Amino acid sequence: MPVAKIVTLRLTIEQSNYVYDTSAGELDSVVTRRGNGASQFEMKERNKYHSGLLKERKVRFTGSAAGDMDNALFRYGYEVCNAILRPL
């Protein structure tokens, strides 16, 4: 199981927690909380990687202040170019 490093930033009424996979050096997840009580908002991001490249990002919104914000799923694809590099 990879070891995680958690970094927390607290700015006035907003707090963000960043979780890093220390073995690969990749950002695993981010949780951002803003407000309190009736006007609370939370955004959670989760990243998946394949061979060091970002493969998928899920974003989820919760809380009363999220309103009509929809959750999102982003999938990334990469093209491989087999070009041979030659000196000029």
Protein backbone atom coordinates (compact mmCIF):
# COMPACT_ATOMS: atom_id res chain seq x y z
CA MET A 1 0.00 0.00 0.00
CA PRO A 2 1.44 3.40 -0.96
CA VAL A 3 2.32 5.82 1.79
CA ALA A 4 0.28 9.04 1.74
CA LYS A 5 1.34 12.54 2.64
CA ILE A 6 -1.41 14.91 3.75
CA VAL A 7 -1.02 18.66 3.40
CA THR A 8 -3.69 20.96 4.87
CA LEU A 9 -4.13 24.61 3.92
CA ARG A 10 -6.50 26.72 5.97
CA LEU A 11 -7.44 30.14 4.61
CA THR A 12 -10.04 32.09 6.62
CA ILE A 13 -13.27 30.11 6.03
CA GLU A 14 -11.80 27.67 3.50
CA GLN A 15 -9.79 24.52 4.17
CA SER A 16 -8.14 22.24 1.59
CA ASN A 17 -6.62 18.82 2.28
CA TYR A 18 -4.21 17.46 -0.34
CA VAL A 19 -3.29 13.76 -0.25
CA TYR A 20 -0.15 12.71 -2.15
CA ASP A 21 1.07 9.23 -2.98
CA THR A 22 4.66 9.55 -1.82
CA SER A 23 5.90 6.45 -3.65
CA ALA A 24 4.85 7.82 -7.07
CA GLY A 25 4.78 11.55 -6.24
CA GLU A 26 1.23 11.91 -7.57
CA LEU A 27 -1.67 13.95 -6.22
CA ASP A 28 -4.27 11.38 -5.11
CA SER A 29 -7.13 13.53 -3.84
CA VAL A 30 -8.17 17.02 -2.79
CA VAL A 31 -11.00 17.89 -0.39
CA THR A 32 -11.99 21.56 -0.17
CA ARG A 33 -14.45 22.77 2.48
CA ARG A 34 -15.84 26.27 2.62
CA GLY A 35 -18.28 27.91 5.00
CA ASN A 36 -20.17 26.51 7.92
CA GLY A 37 -23.72 25.88 9.02
CA ALA A 38 -26.40 26.62 6.42
CA SER A 39 -23.97 27.76 3.72
CA GLN A 40 -21.55 24.86 3.66
CA PHE A 41 -19.83 23.70 0.47
CA GLU A 42 -17.52 20.74 -0.12
CA MET A 43 -15.71 19.67 -3.27
CA LYS A 44 -13.90 16.33 -3.49
CA GLU A 45 -11.50 15.47 -6.31
CA ARG A 46 -10.05 12.01 -6.85
CA ASN A 47 -7.36 11.24 -9.44
CA LYS A 48 -6.35 7.93 -11.03
CA TYR A 49 -3.08 7.45 -12.87
CA HIS A 50 -1.63 4.90 -15.29
CA SER A 51 2.15 4.81 -15.78
CA GLY A 52 2.45 8.29 -14.26
CA LEU A 53 -0.12 9.89 -16.58
CA LEU A 54 -3.45 11.22 -15.33
CA LYS A 55 -6.12 8.76 -16.50
CA GLU A 56 -9.27 9.86 -14.68
CA ARG A 57 -10.49 12.68 -12.41
CA LYS A 58 -13.75 12.56 -10.44
CA VAL A 59 -15.17 15.77 -8.96
CA ARG A 60 -18.04 15.61 -6.46
CA PHE A 61 -19.92 18.56 -4.93
CA THR A 62 -21.85 18.33 -1.65
CA GLY A 63 -23.36 20.69 0.88
CA SER A 64 -26.19 23.17 0.93
CA ALA A 65 -24.24 25.85 -0.96
CA ALA A 66 -23.45 23.45 -3.84
CA GLY A 67 -26.89 24.22 -5.28
CA ASP A 68 -27.38 22.75 -8.74
CA MET A 69 -23.73 21.90 -9.34
CA ASP A 70 -23.36 18.50 -10.98
CA ASN A 71 -20.67 15.96 -10.25
CA ALA A 72 -18.15 15.44 -13.04
CA LEU A 73 -16.01 12.64 -14.43
CA PHE A 74 -13.11 13.48 -16.73
CA ARG A 75 -11.26 10.77 -18.66
CA TYR A 76 -7.96 11.49 -20.34
CA GLY A 77 -6.43 9.70 -23.32
CA TYR A 78 -2.97 10.08 -24.76
CA GLU A 79 -1.64 9.37 -28.21
CA VAL A 80 1.72 7.72 -28.60
CA CYS A 81 3.97 8.96 -31.36
CA ASN A 82 6.66 6.51 -32.50
CA ALA A 83 8.75 9.15 -34.25
CA ILE A 84 12.51 8.69 -34.30
CA LEU A 85 14.37 11.77 -33.14
CA ARG A 86 17.43 12.56 -35.25
CA PRO A 87 19.98 15.28 -34.61
CA LEU A 88 19.87 18.22 -37.04
